[in-house]
Amino acid sequence: MDGGRRYMAGDIVRAELVLEHAANLSRIFVAFSHERDPLTELYFEATHFPAEGNERTADGTRRSRVLLEAPVPPETVPGVYALDRVNVFSVGGKLSRLREGGLAGVSGASFEVVEEPAEPPTVAGLEFLA
């Protein structure tokens, strides 16, 4: 797994989801599943969609860049987590569920959770402050 996408408990996983859509967005829910146990998942949710992250495509639809952030909980099972599904809720209440075929154009959509290092910290310095 790419060293840039390796996290441990307490780290913040940040990703940018690019979504093409016609309706105004209300909420996006993203799930990543563990490669060996699909019932073990990590979740991201976005409810804020700033206008500066949007652009119009040639056919008039919107392309939004959505920031996803979530901490890795302490009980997370180590392993590789891959994008499993994206649920998109419109302001009008419509739900679009994107899985498999709807996610086919997304490559490299996985990250690894590793165990915390066993070695204890070391004191690198101490300074008394006024």
Protein backbone atom coordinates (compact mmCIF):
# COMPACT_ATOMS: atom_id res chain seq x y z
CA MET A 1 0.00 0.00 0.00
CA ASP A 2 1.20 3.52 -0.81
CA GLY A 3 2.96 5.02 2.23
CA GLY A 4 0.95 8.23 1.80
CA ARG A 5 -2.30 6.41 2.49
CA ARG A 6 -1.35 4.60 5.68
CA TYR A 7 -3.03 5.60 8.94
CA MET A 8 -3.27 4.48 12.57
CA ALA A 9 -5.77 5.11 15.37
CA GLY A 10 -6.14 8.84 15.97
CA ASP A 11 -4.98 9.92 12.50
CA ILE A 12 -7.36 11.94 10.35
CA VAL A 13 -8.12 10.45 6.93
CA ARG A 14 -8.70 13.22 4.38
CA ALA A 15 -9.92 12.64 0.84
CA GLU A 16 -11.52 14.69 -1.90
CA LEU A 17 -14.54 13.23 -3.67
CA VAL A 18 -15.37 14.69 -7.09
CA LEU A 19 -19.05 14.33 -7.85
CA GLU A 20 -20.97 15.23 -11.02
CA HIS A 21 -24.60 16.03 -10.26
CA ALA A 22 -27.62 18.05 -11.37
CA ALA A 23 -29.49 18.49 -8.06
CA ASN A 24 -28.35 20.57 -5.10
CA LEU A 25 -26.59 18.41 -2.51
CA SER A 26 -27.71 17.99 1.06
CA ARG A 27 -25.56 15.16 2.43
CA ILE A 28 -23.01 12.63 1.20
CA PHE A 29 -22.26 9.40 3.03
CA VAL A 30 -19.21 7.34 2.00
CA ALA A 31 -18.30 3.86 3.25
CA PHE A 32 -14.98 2.04 2.96
CA SER A 33 -15.01 -1.71 3.68
CA HIS A 34 -12.21 -3.87 5.09
CA GLU A 35 -10.74 -6.11 2.36
CA ARG A 36 -11.07 -9.31 4.41
CA ASP A 37 -14.24 -8.51 6.36
CA PRO A 38 -16.75 -6.49 4.31
CA LEU A 39 -18.92 -5.94 7.40
CA THR A 40 -16.10 -3.91 8.98
CA GLU A 41 -16.41 -0.38 7.63
CA LEU A 42 -15.16 3.16 8.11
CA TYR A 43 -17.52 6.03 7.33
CA PHE A 44 -17.26 9.58 6.08
CA GLU A 45 -20.06 12.12 5.92
CA ALA A 46 -20.19 15.56 4.33
CA THR A 47 -22.96 18.13 4.76
CA HIS A 48 -21.16 21.31 3.70
CA PHE A 49 -20.70 22.04 0.01
CA PRO A 50 -18.99 25.41 -0.54
CA ALA A 51 -19.66 27.17 -3.83
CA GLU A 52 -15.94 27.61 -4.55
CA GLY A 53 -15.64 23.83 -4.91
CA ASN A 54 -18.22 23.75 -7.72
CA GLU A 55 -17.94 24.20 -11.46
CA ARG A 56 -20.33 23.72 -14.36
CA THR A 57 -19.66 21.07 -16.99
CA ALA A 58 -20.37 21.53 -20.71
CA ASP A 59 -23.81 19.91 -20.40
CA GLY A 60 -24.84 22.17 -17.50
CA THR A 61 -24.40 19.69 -14.65
CA ARG A 62 -22.22 20.56 -11.69
CA ARG A 63 -18.92 19.10 -10.68
CA SER A 64 -18.35 19.44 -6.94
CA ARG A 65 -15.21 18.76 -4.97
CA VAL A 66 -16.24 17.46 -1.56
CA LEU A 67 -13.79 17.20 1.33
CA LEU A 68 -14.18 14.02 3.36
CA GLU A 69 -12.53 13.85 6.78
CA ALA A 70 -12.80 11.27 9.55
CA PRO A 71 -10.61 10.16 12.43
CA VAL A 72 -9.51 6.53 12.62
CA PRO A 73 -11.26 5.24 15.77
CA PRO A 74 -9.16 3.33 18.34
CA GLU A 75 -11.08 0.08 17.77
CA THR A 76 -10.47 0.02 14.00
CA VAL A 77 -9.34 -3.35 12.63
CA PRO A 78 -5.98 -3.00 10.83
CA GLY A 79 -5.98 -3.75 7.09
CA VAL A 80 -6.82 -2.26 3.72
CA TYR A 81 -10.13 -0.41 3.35
CA ALA A 82 -11.57 0.09 -0.15
CA LEU A 83 -14.36 2.35 -1.35
CA ASP A 84 -17.60 0.38 -1.12
CA ARG A 85 -20.45 2.84 -1.59
CA VAL A 86 -21.42 6.49 -1.87
CA ASN A 87 -24.90 7.63 -0.88
CA VAL A 88 -25.87 11.09 -2.12
CA PHE A 89 -28.88 12.93 -0.71
CA SER A 90 -30.30 15.92 -2.60
CA VAL A 91 -31.86 18.93 -0.92
CA GLY A 92 -35.24 17.68 -2.21
CA GLY A 93 -34.76 14.39 -0.36
CA LYS A 94 -33.82 12.10 -3.26
CA LEU A 95 -31.30 9.37 -2.42
CA SER A 96 -28.82 8.08 -5.00
CA ARG A 97 -26.91 4.93 -4.02
CA LEU A 98 -23.66 4.46 -5.92
CA ARG A 99 -21.98 1.05 -5.72
CA GLU A 100 -19.87 -1.13 -8.00
CA GLY A 101 -20.88 0.11 -11.48
CA GLY A 102 -21.43 3.67 -10.25
CA LEU A 103 -17.92 3.69 -8.80
CA ALA A 104 -16.16 2.00 -11.73
CA GLY A 105 -14.38 5.19 -12.81
CA VAL A 106 -12.69 5.61 -9.43
CA SER A 107 -9.24 4.04 -9.19
CA GLY A 108 -6.94 3.75 -6.21
CA ALA A 109 -9.78 4.37 -3.77
CA SER A 110 -8.32 2.55 -0.81
CA PHE A 111 -6.15 3.16 2.23
CA GLU A 112 -4.50 1.07 4.92
CA VAL A 113 -4.96 1.16 8.68
CA VAL A 114 -1.92 -0.11 10.57
CA GLU A 115 -1.44 -1.03 14.22
CA GLU A 116 -0.01 1.52 16.60
CA PRO A 117 3.74 1.19 17.07
CA ALA A 118 4.65 -0.82 20.18
CA GLU A 119 7.75 1.20 21.10
CA PRO A 120 7.29 3.86 23.80
CA PRO A 121 7.95 7.55 23.11
CA THR A 122 11.27 9.15 24.03
CA VAL A 123 11.84 12.55 25.60
CA ALA A 124 13.53 14.76 23.01
CA GLY A 125 13.85 17.85 25.17
CA LEU A 126 12.48 19.98 27.97
CA GLU A 127 12.35 23.75 28.23
CA PHE A 128 11.14 25.85 31.15
CA LEU A 129 8.96 28.75 30.08
CA ALA A 130 8.74 32.14 31.77
